[in-house]
C-alpha atoms as a PDB file:
ATOM      1  CA  MET A   1     107.026 135.924 211.562  1.00  0.00           C
ATOM      2  CA  SER A   2     108.721 133.846 213.597  1.00  0.00           C
ATOM      3  CA  ARG A   3     107.130 131.865 216.768  1.00  0.00           C
ATOM      4  CA  GLY A   4     108.529 132.721 219.571  1.00  0.00           C
ATOM      5  CA  GLU A   5     108.110 133.500 222.777  1.00  0.00           C
ATOM      6  CA  ILE A   6     105.193 137.270 222.706  1.00  0.00           C
ATOM      7  CA  GLU A   7     105.912 138.080 226.294  1.00  0.00           C
ATOM      8  CA  VAL A   8     103.599 141.372 227.160  1.00  0.00           C
ATOM      9  CA  GLU A   9     104.017 144.052 229.300  1.00  0.00           C
ATOM     10  CA  ILE A  10     100.846 146.379 230.687  1.00  0.00           C
ATOM     11  CA  ARG A  11     101.337 149.476 232.558  1.00  0.00           C
ATOM     12  CA  ILE A  12      98.605 152.455 233.385  1.00  0.00           C
ATOM     13  CA  ASP A  13      99.753 155.297 234.289  1.00  0.00           C
ATOM     14  CA  GLY A  14     103.315 153.655 234.832  1.00  0.00           C
ATOM     15  CA  GLU A  15     101.819 151.024 237.601  1.00  0.00           C
ATOM     16  CA  GLU A  16     102.802 147.409 235.964  1.00  0.00           C
ATOM     17  CA  ILE A  17      99.757 145.146 235.589  1.00  0.00           C
ATOM     18  CA  GLU A  18     100.761 141.015 236.421  1.00  0.00           C
ATOM     19  CA  VAL A  19      99.452 139.450 233.629  1.00  0.00           C
ATOM     20  CA  ASN A  20      99.592 135.241 233.269  1.00  0.00           C
ATOM     21  CA  ARG A  21     101.387 132.832 230.713  1.00  0.00           C
ATOM     22  CA  PHE A  22      97.814 132.431 229.119  1.00  0.00           C
ATOM     23  CA  VAL A  23      96.774 136.145 229.005  1.00  0.00           C
ATOM     24  CA  GLN A  24     100.014 137.337 228.208  1.00  0.00           C
ATOM     25  CA  GLU A  25      99.571 135.089 224.941  1.00  0.00           C
ATOM     26  CA  MET A  26      96.373 135.632 224.586  1.00  0.00           C
ATOM     27  CA  MET A  27      97.198 139.230 223.781  1.00  0.00           C
ATOM     28  CA  GLY A  28     100.511 139.006 222.203  1.00  0.00           C
ATOM     29  CA  ASN A  29      98.751 136.800 219.359  1.00  0.00           C
ATOM     30  CA  ALA A  30      95.976 139.294 218.421  1.00  0.00           C
ATOM     31  CA  ILE A  31      97.578 142.031 218.378  1.00  0.00           C
ATOM     32  CA  ALA A  32     101.191 140.426 216.394  1.00  0.00           C
ATOM     33  CA  GLY A  33      97.826 139.410 214.197  1.00  0.00           C
ATOM     34  CA  ALA A  34      96.893 142.676 213.673  1.00  0.00           C
ATOM     35  CA  ILE A  35      99.700 144.286 213.040  1.00  0.00           C
ATOM     36  CA  SER A  36     101.115 141.316 210.883  1.00  0.00           C
ATOM     37  CA  ALA A  37      98.337 142.898 207.776  1.00  0.00           C
ATOM     38  CA  LEU A  38      99.659 146.285 208.071  1.00  0.00           C
ATOM     39  CA  LYS A  39     101.649 147.306 204.984  1.00  0.00           C
ATOM     40  CA  GLY A  40     104.793 148.084 205.539  1.00  0.00           C
ATOM     41  CA  VAL A  41     105.539 145.800 208.092  1.00  0.00           C
ATOM     42  CA  ARG A  42     108.532 143.672 208.789  1.00  0.00           C
ATOM     43  CA  MET A  43     107.626 139.961 209.877  1.00  0.00           C
ATOM     44  CA  ASP A  44     110.910 139.675 211.788  1.00  0.00           C
ATOM     45  CA  TRP A  45     110.339 142.359 214.202  1.00  0.00           C
ATOM     46  CA  ASN A  46     111.323 141.934 217.857  1.00  0.00           C
ATOM     47  CA  GLU A  47     110.025 144.660 219.740  1.00  0.00           C
ATOM     48  CA  LEU A  48     105.856 146.129 219.670  1.00  0.00           C
ATOM     49  CA  LYS A  49     104.984 149.501 221.418  1.00  0.00           C
ATOM     50  CA  ILE A  50     101.430 150.711 221.569  1.00  0.00           C
ATOM     51  CA  THR A  51     100.556 153.588 223.420  1.00  0.00           C
ATOM     52  CA  VAL A  52      96.850 154.422 223.971  1.00  0.00           C
ATOM     53  CA  ASN A  53      96.036 157.431 225.748  1.00  0.00           C
ATOM     54  CA  ARG A  54      92.716 158.558 227.070  1.00  0.00           C
ATOM     55  CA  ASN A  55      91.377 162.228 226.144  1.00  0.00           C
ATOM     56  CA  ARG A  56      89.544 162.447 229.944  1.00  0.00           C
ATOM     57  CA  SER A  57      87.848 165.962 228.573  1.00  0.00           C
ATOM     58  CA  ALA A  58      86.900 164.674 225.120  1.00  0.00           C
ATOM     59  CA  ASN A  59      84.029 162.455 226.881  1.00  0.00           C
ATOM     60  CA  THR A  60      81.245 163.687 226.614  1.00  0.00           C
ATOM     61  CA  ASN A  61      78.810 160.714 228.307  1.00  0.00           C
ATOM     62  CA  THR A  62      76.637 162.195 229.871  1.00  0.00           C
ATOM     63  CA  ASN A  63      75.503 159.219 231.804  1.00  0.00           C
ATOM     64  CA  THR A  64      75.449 159.097 235.734  1.00  0.00           C
ATOM     65  CA  ASN A  65      75.242 154.489 235.754  1.00  0.00           C
ATOM     66  CA  HIS A  66      78.623 154.697 233.926  1.00  0.00           C
ATOM     67  CA  VAL A  67      81.495 153.429 235.079  1.00  0.00           C
ATOM     68  CA  GLU A  68      85.199 153.384 234.406  1.00  0.00           C
END
């Protein structure tokens, strides 16, 4: 994988969350490293998108002290 500058954009429920350069590099490099270990992934990729959805109805945590 080429070591070009990595930009990371974070959106939560459509709202963009600002992240500084350090966080962008830290998160980007960690994700890029994990992705590079997957079979079939080209090392010269340009864009990577990950979507994480939380299914609240599946949350069975009954701890009333739990903060989300």
